[in-house]
Amino acid sequence: MMRPFRLSTTLATLGALLAAVVTTPAHATISGAGATNTATTVTYHFTYTGTPQYLRTYVDTDRNPSTGYAQAGIGAGDADLVFQGEAPLDTSAKYTQTYTSAGGVTYTPSTDNFANPERGLYHHTGDCDKADFSQATLESYRTAQGISLVMCVFYLADYKNGPIAQSALDHLRQQIDTVRAAGLKIVLRFAYTTSTTGDDTTKDRVLQHLDQLAPYLTAGQDVIAVVQAGLIGAWGEWYYTQNFGNAGTISSTDWANRKAVTDKLLSVVPSNRMIQLRTPKFKRTMYSTTAVQPSDAYNGSALSRIGHHNDCFLASPDDFGTYENTSVEYPYLQADTTYVAMGGETCGTNPPRSQCPTATTELAQFHWSFLNTDYEPNVLSSWNTGGCLAGITKNLGYRFRLESGTYPATATRGGSLPISFTVHNDGYATPFNPRNLELVLRNTSTGSTYKLPLTADPRRWTAGTSTTVDQTVTVPATVPAGSYDLLLNLPDPLLSTRPEYSIRLANQGTWDAATGMNSLLHTLTVS
């Protein structure tokens, strides 16, 4: 078996001689010797067979055979290397490394407002079951307004006493297809009534309808950002209801029925998507009073998949019943929304609470990802007058900004490529759906690209923090020798060929709209 050996050390520790000795439990045919470096680190690698007791790397930094521990014609240390395994003793031919000046890049922030998937302001569609989406209109939201989300409240009022008609299901599919064609995503909610009489339907009927909806949710998962629980009560907000405990008077049976609907919704919504409940009390009562912990985030459990929406943000001291006890629910919601989806809308002016200082504080505190741009207009106008609307528009959800990066000037086919970059999240939240991360090598002559997966999870790049991604990838042996631009790609796993669904970084001179990739402003020579 051929086994790889790698040794990394800082440049500062290289003296006249470095011998790296690794004790392993004996044969040692050596091949594939090589070395790479960044500004601070040198990496030596070779491949061997068997299980030699010792593995060594000798580094000659002065190219003087009379100094150091002489092996295979080199002395103590510069950029001449030999690799050795024992026992039996096997020594490689001399390998000469040319130290390269690694590229250190400092990135310039951008203050532009631009569309990014699954975040920002959204347009509201309250009759999504009747009015057809227009692809051209949706596209203009993204290209002219920087909006990537549309709300679809899909009413099932005609089906309270029977199955959903196939025509309604076909219309739902059509709406989802139009959103996909336009390059947007959808915040989806089902409901049965707009009346405060609460004339919804029974638990059993809701469960039957969810079974019917399941295949359409699966087919549309790529462009469904999140599904709001809906289904119960007026507007699907769980307050005015004839079947699940009306106007806040909720029995134990009502709670059990509410949980049955929520559990069923979780089962029919694809496991890579979250749902949202209308108040913190609902999640705390039906599931747990403990917020999602970092170790449990994104593990597919109910707790990790249930987020929150507030549809009367700042409208009263308790946001019109959104909160019962802010001393308990505020710290809970702040912790929980670090890892689950949060969004909603305003519903009325309530100065000074509804004005900029409280708005910006609580949007950040509770990690808001999206907000209705259509309602409530007086509140939004006050934010514009107060000078905070532009900042809110940019900071809803995530806003990733490269700070710095270090990359080697050269690499070899089949060899190591160590990279390091630091990204800061200026937004209120993180992405709440899965997101890939790739280093891309693009040939400067042919345009051919080679995508190398990185292990970091952008969902862990929490709001207000800087994260350093430090990883060594392997350049594929099939990559032709040549000059390559380095790019960073954050594609949607389900829409990786659609640049509209890739994340744009908030830097100047880095975004490539045609490919959905971000230039790292560095060129690498592969030999």
Protein backbone atom coordinates (compact mmCIF):
# COMPACT_ATOMS: atom_id res chain seq x y z
CA MET A 1 0.00 0.00 0.00
CA MET A 2 1.25 3.47 -0.86
CA ARG A 3 0.99 5.78 2.11
CA PRO A 4 1.30 9.59 2.03
CA PHE A 5 3.44 11.45 4.52
CA ARG A 6 3.11 15.17 5.14
CA LEU A 7 5.02 17.47 7.46
CA SER A 8 4.24 21.16 7.93
CA THR A 9 6.47 23.60 9.78
CA THR A 10 6.72 27.35 10.10
CA LEU A 11 9.43 29.10 8.12
CA ALA A 12 10.72 30.64 11.34
CA THR A 13 11.70 27.26 12.73
CA LEU A 14 13.84 26.21 9.77
CA GLY A 15 17.47 26.17 10.92
CA ALA A 16 20.54 24.59 9.38
CA LEU A 17 18.96 21.14 9.72
CA LEU A 18 15.51 19.78 10.35
CA ALA A 19 14.98 16.06 10.69
CA ALA A 20 11.39 14.97 11.19
CA VAL A 21 11.17 11.56 12.75
CA VAL A 22 7.91 9.69 12.98
CA THR A 23 7.85 6.39 14.80
CA THR A 24 5.47 3.86 13.26
CA PRO A 25 5.14 0.13 13.99
CA ALA A 26 9.26 -2.36 7.26
CA HIS A 27 9.70 -1.42 3.92
CA ALA A 28 9.92 2.13 2.60
CA THR A 29 10.05 2.64 -1.16
CA ILE A 30 9.77 6.43 -1.51
CA SER A 31 8.05 8.29 -4.35
CA GLY A 32 6.03 11.45 -4.96
CA ALA A 33 8.40 13.78 -3.10
CA GLY A 34 7.41 17.44 -3.07
CA ALA A 35 7.12 20.66 -1.10
CA THR A 36 4.94 23.77 -1.04
CA ASN A 37 4.88 26.91 1.06
CA THR A 38 2.76 29.86 2.11
CA ALA A 39 4.05 33.04 3.77
CA THR A 40 4.33 31.27 7.11
CA THR A 41 4.29 27.53 6.51
CA VAL A 42 6.30 24.99 4.52
CA THR A 43 4.70 21.62 3.76
CA TYR A 44 6.83 18.59 2.78
CA HIS A 45 5.22 15.43 1.43
CA PHE A 46 6.17 12.06 -0.02
CA THR A 47 4.63 8.63 -0.49
CA TYR A 48 6.01 5.39 0.87
CA THR A 49 5.12 1.70 1.10
CA GLY A 50 4.96 -0.65 4.04
CA THR A 51 5.24 0.36 7.68
CA PRO A 52 8.75 1.74 8.30
CA GLN A 53 9.70 2.52 11.86
CA TYR A 54 11.04 5.98 11.01
CA LEU A 55 10.16 8.64 8.43
CA ARG A 56 12.54 11.60 8.01
CA THR A 57 12.81 14.81 6.02
CA TYR A 58 16.24 16.53 5.79
CA VAL A 59 16.25 20.20 4.86
CA ASP A 60 19.46 21.88 3.63
CA THR A 61 19.18 25.66 3.95
CA ASP A 62 22.81 26.62 3.26
CA ARG A 63 23.65 24.00 0.58
CA ASN A 64 26.96 23.30 2.33
CA PRO A 65 27.79 19.55 2.49
CA SER A 66 30.25 20.15 5.36
CA THR A 67 27.57 21.36 7.75
CA GLY A 68 24.71 19.54 9.36
CA TYR A 69 23.88 15.87 9.24
CA ALA A 70 25.00 14.86 5.74
CA GLN A 71 22.58 12.64 3.84
CA ALA A 72 22.64 11.86 0.12
CA GLY A 73 25.01 14.69 -0.68
CA ILE A 74 23.30 17.55 1.13
CA GLY A 75 24.43 19.33 4.27
CA ALA A 76 22.53 21.28 6.87
CA GLY A 77 19.38 22.86 5.60
CA ASP A 78 18.27 25.62 2.47
CA ALA A 79 15.83 24.34 -0.07
CA ASP A 80 17.42 21.04 -0.99
CA LEU A 81 15.54 18.12 0.49
CA VAL A 82 15.85 14.38 0.83
CA PHE A 83 13.22 12.07 2.24
CA GLN A 84 14.03 8.89 4.09
CA GLY A 85 12.29 5.84 5.53
CA GLU A 86 13.72 3.13 7.78
CA ALA A 87 13.79 0.14 8.15
CA PRO A 88 14.99 -0.98 5.68
CA LEU A 89 16.71 2.30 4.88
CA ASP A 90 15.48 4.01 1.70
CA THR A 91 16.56 7.54 0.76
CA SER A 92 15.05 9.61 -2.04
CA ALA A 93 16.97 11.55 -4.64
CA LYS A 94 17.62 15.19 -3.82
CA TYR A 95 14.55 17.40 -4.27
CA THR A 96 15.08 21.14 -4.75
CA GLN A 97 12.35 23.44 -3.50
CA THR A 98 12.18 27.04 -4.66
CA TYR A 99 10.52 29.08 -1.95
CA THR A 100 7.77 31.20 -3.43
CA SER A 101 6.45 34.44 -2.05
CA ALA A 102 2.92 33.57 -1.00
CA GLY A 103 0.23 36.00 -2.01
CA GLY A 104 -1.12 38.02 0.87
CA VAL A 105 -4.32 39.79 -0.20
CA THR A 106 -6.27 42.43 1.69
CA TYR A 107 -9.81 42.87 0.41
CA THR A 108 -11.77 46.10 0.10
CA PRO A 109 -15.32 46.14 1.51
CA SER A 110 -18.31 47.05 -0.64
CA THR A 111 -21.21 49.17 0.60
CA ASP A 112 -23.49 48.14 -2.28
CA ASN A 113 -26.91 46.66 -1.75
CA PHE A 114 -27.35 43.55 -3.87
CA ALA A 115 -29.46 40.41 -4.04
CA ASN A 116 -28.30 37.30 -2.26
CA PRO A 117 -30.33 34.10 -1.92
CA GLU A 118 -32.64 33.42 1.03
CA ARG A 119 -32.21 36.81 2.70
CA GLY A 120 -33.26 40.45 2.60
CA LEU A 121 -36.52 42.23 1.92
CA TYR A 122 -39.29 40.19 0.31
CA HIS A 123 -42.45 40.96 -1.62
CA HIS A 124 -45.68 39.59 -0.17
CA THR A 125 -48.29 37.70 -2.20
CA GLY A 126 -51.41 37.09 -0.12
CA ASP A 127 -53.44 35.40 -2.86
CA CYS A 128 -50.84 33.01 -4.19
CA ASP A 129 -53.50 30.36 -4.73
CA LYS A 130 -55.27 32.60 -7.27
CA ALA A 131 -52.97 35.18 -8.88
CA ASP A 132 -50.28 33.88 -11.19
CA PHE A 133 -46.70 34.91 -10.58
CA SER A 134 -45.14 36.78 -13.49
CA GLN A 135 -41.62 35.64 -14.30
CA ALA A 136 -40.71 39.08 -15.64
CA THR A 137 -41.96 40.79 -12.49
CA LEU A 138 -40.11 38.39 -10.24
CA GLU A 139 -36.91 38.85 -12.25
CA SER A 140 -37.22 42.63 -11.87
CA TYR A 141 -37.39 42.21 -8.10
CA ARG A 142 -33.98 40.58 -8.18
CA THR A 143 -32.26 42.67 -10.85
CA ALA A 144 -33.74 46.11 -10.12
CA GLN A 145 -34.53 45.96 -6.41
CA GLY A 146 -31.99 43.49 -5.01
CA ILE A 147 -34.81 41.27 -3.74
CA SER A 148 -34.44 37.47 -3.91
CA LEU A 149 -37.48 36.33 -1.92
CA VAL A 150 -41.23 36.31 -2.46
CA MET A 151 -43.87 35.33 0.08
CA CYS A 152 -46.61 32.96 -1.10
CA VAL A 153 -49.66 32.57 1.16
CA PHE A 154 -51.58 29.75 -0.49
CA TYR A 155 -55.17 29.49 0.75
CA LEU A 156 -57.04 26.19 0.84
CA ALA A 157 -60.38 27.76 1.77
CA ASP A 158 -62.32 25.73 -0.81
CA TYR A 159 -61.14 22.41 0.58
CA LYS A 160 -62.06 22.49 4.27
CA ASN A 161 -64.44 19.56 3.80
CA GLY A 162 -62.61 17.45 1.25
CA PRO A 163 -59.35 16.80 -0.60
CA ILE A 164 -57.41 19.54 -2.35
CA ALA A 165 -58.40 19.67 -6.02
CA GLN A 166 -55.80 18.67 -8.57
CA SER A 167 -56.17 22.07 -10.21
CA ALA A 168 -55.01 23.75 -6.98
CA LEU A 169 -52.05 21.41 -6.68
CA ASP A 170 -51.13 22.10 -10.30
CA HIS A 171 -51.32 25.83 -9.60
CA LEU A 172 -48.97 25.45 -6.63
CA ARG A 173 -46.49 23.61 -8.85
CA GLN A 174 -46.78 26.32 -11.50
CA GLN A 175 -46.07 29.05 -8.94
CA ILE A 176 -42.98 27.24 -7.68
CA ASP A 177 -41.76 26.65 -11.24
CA THR A 178 -42.14 30.36 -12.06
CA VAL A 179 -40.16 31.36 -8.99
CA ARG A 180 -37.39 28.96 -10.06
CA ALA A 181 -37.33 30.30 -13.61
CA ALA A 182 -36.99 33.85 -12.25
CA GLY A 183 -34.07 32.97 -9.96
CA LEU A 184 -35.83 33.72 -6.67
CA LYS A 185 -36.88 31.66 -3.67
CA ILE A 186 -40.17 31.39 -1.88
CA VAL A 187 -41.36 31.73 1.72
CA LEU A 188 -44.38 29.44 1.69
CA ARG A 189 -47.43 29.33 3.95
CA PHE A 190 -50.73 27.48 3.69
CA ALA A 191 -53.90 28.73 5.37
CA TYR A 192 -57.67 28.25 5.29
CA THR A 193 -59.17 31.62 6.20
CA THR A 194 -58.62 35.36 6.48
CA SER A 195 -61.52 35.78 8.87
CA THR A 196 -61.16 36.47 12.58
CA THR A 197 -64.03 34.03 13.07
CA GLY A 198 -61.28 31.45 12.67
CA ASP A 199 -63.20 29.22 10.27
CA ASP A 200 -60.33 26.86 9.52
CA THR A 201 -60.63 23.06 9.39
CA THR A 202 -60.04 20.05 11.60
CA LYS A 203 -56.74 18.46 12.52
CA ASP A 204 -57.54 15.30 10.54
CA ARG A 205 -58.33 17.30 7.40
CA VAL A 206 -55.10 19.28 7.77
CA LEU A 207 -53.09 16.06 8.04
CA GLN A 208 -54.77 14.66 4.92
CA HIS A 209 -53.99 17.83 3.01
CA LEU A 210 -50.35 17.71 4.05
CA ASP A 211 -50.09 14.23 2.60
CA GLN A 212 -51.37 15.64 -0.69
CA LEU A 213 -48.93 18.54 -0.57
CA ALA A 214 -45.89 16.39 0.26
CA PRO A 215 -44.75 15.55 -3.30
CA TYR A 216 -45.06 19.18 -4.38
CA LEU A 217 -42.95 20.32 -1.44
CA THR A 218 -40.34 17.73 -2.33
CA ALA A 219 -40.31 18.76 -5.99
CA GLY A 220 -39.99 22.43 -5.03
CA GLN A 221 -37.47 22.11 -2.23
CA ASP A 222 -34.71 23.73 -4.29
CA VAL A 223 -36.54 27.07 -4.36
CA ILE A 224 -38.43 26.83 -1.07
CA ALA A 225 -36.47 28.95 1.39
CA VAL A 226 -38.65 28.05 4.38
CA VAL A 227 -42.21 26.92 5.13
CA GLN A 228 -44.20 28.80 7.75
CA ALA A 229 -46.42 26.56 9.85
CA GLY A 230 -49.63 28.36 8.87
CA LEU A 231 -52.67 26.06 8.43
CA ILE A 232 -54.24 26.97 11.78
CA GLY A 233 -56.47 30.01 12.25
CA ALA A 234 -56.86 33.32 10.45
CA TRP A 235 -53.99 33.96 8.01
CA GLY A 236 -52.37 30.79 9.38
CA GLU A 237 -51.20 32.69 12.48
CA TRP A 238 -52.68 30.31 15.09
CA TYR A 239 -54.75 32.83 17.11
CA TYR A 240 -58.31 33.03 15.79
CA THR A 241 -59.28 29.40 15.23
CA GLN A 242 -62.38 27.22 15.63
CA ASN A 243 -60.51 23.94 15.85
CA PHE A 244 -57.25 24.42 17.81
CA GLY A 245 -58.03 26.67 20.80
CA ASN A 246 -59.32 30.16 20.04
CA ALA A 247 -57.86 33.54 21.01
CA GLY A 248 -55.22 32.20 23.31
CA THR A 249 -57.44 29.78 25.25
CA ILE A 250 -55.70 26.53 24.50
CA SER A 251 -56.45 23.22 26.23
CA SER A 252 -54.09 20.28 26.52
CA THR A 253 -56.01 18.62 23.67
CA ASP A 254 -55.58 21.74 21.55
CA TRP A 255 -51.85 21.72 22.23
CA ALA A 256 -51.67 18.05 21.25
CA ASN A 257 -53.52 18.81 18.00
CA ARG A 258 -51.26 21.76 17.26
CA LYS A 259 -48.20 19.58 17.79
CA ALA A 260 -49.66 16.85 15.56
CA VAL A 261 -49.96 19.40 12.74
CA THR A 262 -46.42 20.68 13.34
CA ASP A 263 -44.97 17.17 13.45
CA LYS A 264 -46.77 16.29 10.24
CA LEU A 265 -45.52 19.44 8.55
CA LEU A 266 -41.96 18.57 9.58
CA SER A 267 -42.42 15.11 8.07
CA VAL A 268 -43.64 16.33 4.66
CA VAL A 269 -41.28 19.30 4.31
CA PRO A 270 -37.92 17.94 3.07
CA SER A 271 -35.50 17.42 5.94
CA ASN A 272 -33.05 19.97 4.52
CA ARG A 273 -35.62 22.75 5.01
CA MET A 274 -36.89 24.52 8.12
CA ILE A 275 -40.37 25.55 9.19
CA GLN A 276 -41.33 28.59 11.27
CA LEU A 277 -43.78 29.05 14.15
CA ARG A 278 -45.53 32.32 14.93
CA THR A 279 -44.44 32.83 18.55
CA PRO A 280 -41.63 31.58 20.80
CA LYS A 281 -44.27 30.13 23.14
CA PHE A 282 -45.40 27.64 20.52
CA LYS A 283 -41.98 26.04 20.14
CA ARG A 284 -41.22 26.22 23.86
CA THR A 285 -44.55 24.60 24.79
CA MET A 286 -44.63 21.86 22.17
CA TYR A 287 -40.93 20.97 22.04
CA SER A 288 -38.41 22.45 24.46
CA THR A 289 -37.72 25.55 26.50
CA THR A 290 -34.03 25.16 25.65
CA ALA A 291 -32.70 26.95 22.59
CA VAL A 292 -30.82 25.07 19.88
CA GLN A 293 -27.25 24.49 20.97
CA PRO A 294 -24.29 24.80 18.56
CA SER A 295 -23.63 21.06 18.78
CA ASP A 296 -27.24 20.30 17.77
CA ALA A 297 -27.58 22.87 14.99
CA TYR A 298 -28.43 21.49 11.54
CA ASN A 299 -28.66 17.88 12.82
CA GLY A 300 -32.13 17.34 11.36
CA SER A 301 -33.98 17.19 14.68
CA ALA A 302 -37.27 19.02 15.20
CA LEU A 303 -35.56 21.57 17.42
CA SER A 304 -32.94 22.31 14.77
CA ARG A 305 -35.59 22.70 12.03
CA ILE A 306 -38.14 24.95 13.77
CA GLY A 307 -37.54 28.67 13.38
CA HIS A 308 -39.70 31.70 14.14
CA HIS A 309 -41.64 34.47 12.41
CA ASN A 310 -42.96 37.68 13.95
CA ASP A 311 -45.73 39.32 11.94
CA CYS A 312 -46.26 42.33 14.22
CA PHE A 313 -42.68 43.41 14.80
CA LEU A 314 -42.46 46.39 17.21
CA ALA A 315 -46.21 47.15 17.00
CA SER A 316 -46.73 47.09 20.78
CA PRO A 317 -44.72 46.29 23.92
CA ASP A 318 -45.29 42.57 23.27
CA ASP A 319 -45.60 42.82 19.47
CA PHE A 320 -49.34 42.13 19.65
CA GLY A 321 -49.07 38.87 21.56
CA THR A 322 -45.85 37.60 20.03
CA TYR A 323 -44.31 37.57 23.51
CA GLU A 324 -45.72 36.65 26.91
CA ASN A 325 -42.62 37.19 29.05
CA THR A 326 -39.79 39.05 27.36
CA SER A 327 -37.41 38.47 30.27
CA VAL A 328 -37.51 34.76 29.39
CA GLU A 329 -38.37 34.78 25.70
CA TYR A 330 -35.89 37.43 24.56
CA PRO A 331 -32.74 35.55 25.66
CA TYR A 332 -34.28 32.28 24.42
CA LEU A 333 -35.08 33.74 20.98
CA GLN A 334 -31.69 35.40 20.70
CA ALA A 335 -29.95 32.07 21.26
CA ASP A 336 -32.35 29.98 19.17
CA THR A 337 -32.26 32.21 16.09
CA THR A 338 -28.48 31.97 15.92
CA TYR A 339 -29.11 28.67 14.14
CA VAL A 340 -32.73 28.72 12.91
CA ALA A 341 -34.61 30.94 10.45
CA MET A 342 -36.17 34.22 11.64
CA GLY A 343 -38.26 36.65 9.61
CA GLY A 344 -41.61 38.40 9.36
CA GLU A 345 -43.19 41.82 8.99
CA THR A 346 -44.22 44.98 10.80
CA CYS A 347 -47.93 45.70 11.28
CA GLY A 348 -48.33 49.21 12.73
CA THR A 349 -46.50 52.27 13.99
CA ASN A 350 -45.71 52.39 17.69
CA PRO A 351 -43.15 55.11 18.32
CA PRO A 352 -40.62 55.19 19.80
CA ARG A 353 -40.49 51.36 19.85
CA SER A 354 -41.15 51.04 16.13
CA GLN A 355 -38.47 53.57 15.19
CA CYS A 356 -34.88 53.00 14.08
CA PRO A 357 -33.02 52.52 17.40
CA THR A 358 -35.20 49.61 18.59
CA ALA A 359 -35.67 48.24 15.09
CA THR A 360 -31.96 47.89 14.36
CA THR A 361 -31.26 46.54 17.85
CA GLU A 362 -33.89 43.80 17.73
CA LEU A 363 -33.36 42.83 14.09
CA ALA A 364 -29.73 42.12 15.00
CA GLN A 365 -30.51 40.60 18.40
CA PHE A 366 -32.96 38.07 16.95
CA HIS A 367 -30.98 37.39 13.76
CA TRP A 368 -33.61 38.40 11.21
CA SER A 369 -33.05 37.01 7.72
CA PHE A 370 -36.03 38.49 5.85
CA LEU A 371 -38.67 41.23 6.19
CA ASN A 372 -41.78 42.23 4.23
CA THR A 373 -41.07 45.28 2.06
CA ASP A 374 -44.79 45.84 1.36
CA TYR A 375 -46.12 46.09 4.92
CA GLU A 376 -46.42 48.08 7.05
CA PRO A 377 -45.67 51.14 4.85
CA ASN A 378 -45.77 53.76 7.62
CA VAL A 379 -43.25 51.83 9.70
CA LEU A 380 -40.95 51.33 6.74
CA SER A 381 -41.28 55.01 5.82
CA SER A 382 -40.26 55.99 9.34
CA TRP A 383 -37.16 53.86 9.02
CA ASN A 384 -36.31 55.55 5.74
CA THR A 385 -36.78 58.98 7.30
CA GLY A 386 -34.81 57.88 10.34
CA GLY A 387 -31.88 56.81 8.17
CA CYS A 388 -31.79 53.11 9.02
CA LEU A 389 -33.70 51.45 6.18
CA ALA A 390 -30.69 51.23 3.85
CA GLY A 391 -28.60 49.56 6.52
CA ILE A 392 -31.41 47.15 7.43
CA THR A 393 -31.83 46.24 3.77
CA LYS A 394 -28.14 45.31 3.49
CA ASN A 395 -27.82 43.56 6.84
CA LEU A 396 -30.88 41.30 6.86
CA GLY A 397 -29.62 37.73 6.84
CA TYR A 398 -25.93 37.15 6.16
CA ARG A 399 -23.49 39.61 4.58
CA PHE A 400 -20.14 37.92 4.15
CA ARG A 401 -17.08 40.08 3.53
CA LEU A 402 -13.56 38.86 2.82
CA GLU A 403 -10.97 40.53 5.02
CA SER A 404 -7.68 38.91 3.99
CA GLY A 405 -6.23 35.81 2.38
CA THR A 406 -2.91 34.03 1.91
CA TYR A 407 -2.29 31.76 -1.06
CA PRO A 408 0.86 30.20 -2.60
CA ALA A 409 2.24 31.44 -5.87
CA THR A 410 2.87 27.94 -7.20
CA ALA A 411 1.57 24.41 -6.83
CA THR A 412 2.20 21.07 -8.47
CA ARG A 413 -0.27 18.66 -10.05
CA GLY A 414 -1.13 16.06 -7.44
CA GLY A 415 0.48 18.24 -4.77
CA SER A 416 -0.73 20.26 -1.84
CA LEU A 417 -2.33 23.67 -2.09
CA PRO A 418 -2.56 25.39 1.31
CA ILE A 419 -4.94 28.35 1.48
CA SER A 420 -6.12 30.63 4.23
CA PHE A 421 -8.72 33.39 4.16
CA THR A 422 -10.71 35.32 6.75
CA VAL A 423 -14.34 36.27 6.22
CA HIS A 424 -16.45 38.57 8.39
CA ASN A 425 -20.24 38.39 8.66
CA ASP A 426 -21.64 41.93 8.75
CA GLY A 427 -25.23 40.67 8.61
CA TYR A 428 -27.80 39.95 11.29
CA ALA A 429 -27.87 36.18 10.69
CA THR A 430 -26.28 33.24 8.91
CA PRO A 431 -27.58 31.17 5.99
CA PHE A 432 -30.15 28.77 7.44
CA ASN A 433 -30.17 26.27 4.56
CA PRO A 434 -27.26 24.06 3.41
CA ARG A 435 -24.58 25.86 1.44
CA ASN A 436 -21.51 24.46 -0.35
CA LEU A 437 -18.06 26.04 -0.24
CA GLU A 438 -15.50 25.52 -3.02
CA LEU A 439 -12.09 26.75 -4.03
CA VAL A 440 -12.09 27.11 -7.82
CA LEU A 441 -9.07 27.10 -10.11
CA ARG A 442 -9.86 28.81 -13.42
CA ASN A 443 -7.30 28.57 -16.23
CA THR A 444 -6.43 32.07 -17.37
CA SER A 445 -6.01 30.92 -20.99
CA THR A 446 -8.81 28.42 -21.53
CA GLY A 447 -11.33 29.37 -18.83
CA SER A 448 -11.57 25.74 -17.70
CA THR A 449 -12.48 25.42 -14.03
CA TYR A 450 -11.60 22.87 -11.36
CA LYS A 451 -13.65 22.90 -8.17
CA LEU A 452 -12.08 21.73 -4.91
CA PRO A 453 -14.53 21.29 -1.99
CA LEU A 454 -13.72 23.01 1.28
CA THR A 455 -14.93 21.60 4.59
CA ALA A 456 -16.05 24.80 6.33
CA ASP A 457 -19.81 25.33 6.76
CA PRO A 458 -20.93 28.93 6.03
CA ARG A 459 -23.92 28.39 8.32
CA ARG A 460 -21.39 28.50 11.16
CA TRP A 461 -20.08 31.95 10.18
CA THR A 462 -22.17 33.65 12.82
CA ALA A 463 -23.30 37.26 12.77
CA GLY A 464 -20.77 39.86 13.82
CA THR A 465 -17.80 37.48 13.85
CA SER A 466 -14.74 36.80 11.71
CA THR A 467 -13.93 33.23 10.67
CA THR A 468 -10.65 31.99 9.23
CA VAL A 469 -10.78 29.08 6.81
CA ASP A 470 -7.39 27.38 6.80
CA GLN A 471 -7.22 24.23 4.69
CA THR A 472 -4.81 22.35 2.47
CA VAL A 473 -6.41 20.85 -0.63
CA THR A 474 -4.86 18.61 -3.26
CA VAL A 475 -4.49 19.86 -6.81
CA PRO A 476 -5.91 17.13 -9.07
CA ALA A 477 -3.22 15.33 -11.06
CA THR A 478 -5.39 15.89 -14.15
CA VAL A 479 -5.16 19.68 -13.96
CA PRO A 480 -3.04 20.93 -16.91
CA ALA A 481 0.02 22.99 -16.12
CA GLY A 482 -0.61 26.70 -16.45
CA SER A 483 -1.78 29.88 -14.80
CA TYR A 484 -4.96 29.82 -12.72
CA ASP A 485 -7.09 32.46 -11.07
CA LEU A 486 -8.35 31.44 -7.62
CA LEU A 487 -12.05 31.95 -6.90
CA LEU A 488 -14.36 31.18 -4.01
CA ASN A 489 -17.73 29.63 -4.79
CA LEU A 490 -20.67 29.32 -2.38
CA PRO A 491 -23.30 27.57 -4.54
CA ASP A 492 -26.68 26.23 -3.56
CA PRO A 493 -26.27 22.43 -3.36
CA LEU A 494 -29.51 21.92 -5.30
CA LEU A 495 -28.96 24.70 -7.86
CA SER A 496 -25.21 24.65 -8.36
CA THR A 497 -25.42 25.57 -12.07
CA ARG A 498 -27.51 28.70 -11.40
CA PRO A 499 -25.31 31.72 -10.54
CA GLU A 500 -28.34 33.62 -9.18
CA TYR A 501 -28.41 31.18 -6.28
CA SER A 502 -24.73 31.51 -5.33
CA ILE A 503 -23.64 33.83 -2.53
CA ARG A 504 -22.01 37.11 -3.49
CA LEU A 505 -19.39 38.48 -1.09
CA ALA A 506 -19.51 42.13 -0.01
CA ASN A 507 -16.21 43.19 -1.55
CA GLN A 508 -15.14 45.43 -4.38
CA GLY A 509 -13.88 43.85 -7.59
CA THR A 510 -14.53 40.23 -6.64
CA TRP A 511 -17.99 39.28 -7.96
CA ASP A 512 -18.33 37.45 -11.26
CA ALA A 513 -22.05 37.61 -12.06
CA ALA A 514 -21.76 35.30 -15.06
CA THR A 515 -20.51 32.40 -12.95
CA GLY A 516 -21.74 33.30 -9.46
CA MET A 517 -18.18 33.05 -8.15
CA ASN A 518 -16.03 35.45 -6.13
CA SER A 519 -12.49 36.23 -7.23
CA LEU A 520 -9.84 35.83 -4.54
CA LEU A 521 -7.68 38.31 -6.52
CA HIS A 522 -4.79 35.89 -6.75
CA THR A 523 -3.19 33.92 -9.58
CA LEU A 524 -1.49 30.56 -9.09
CA THR A 525 0.99 28.77 -11.37
CA VAL A 526 0.49 25.01 -11.55
CA SER A 527 3.39 22.89 -12.80
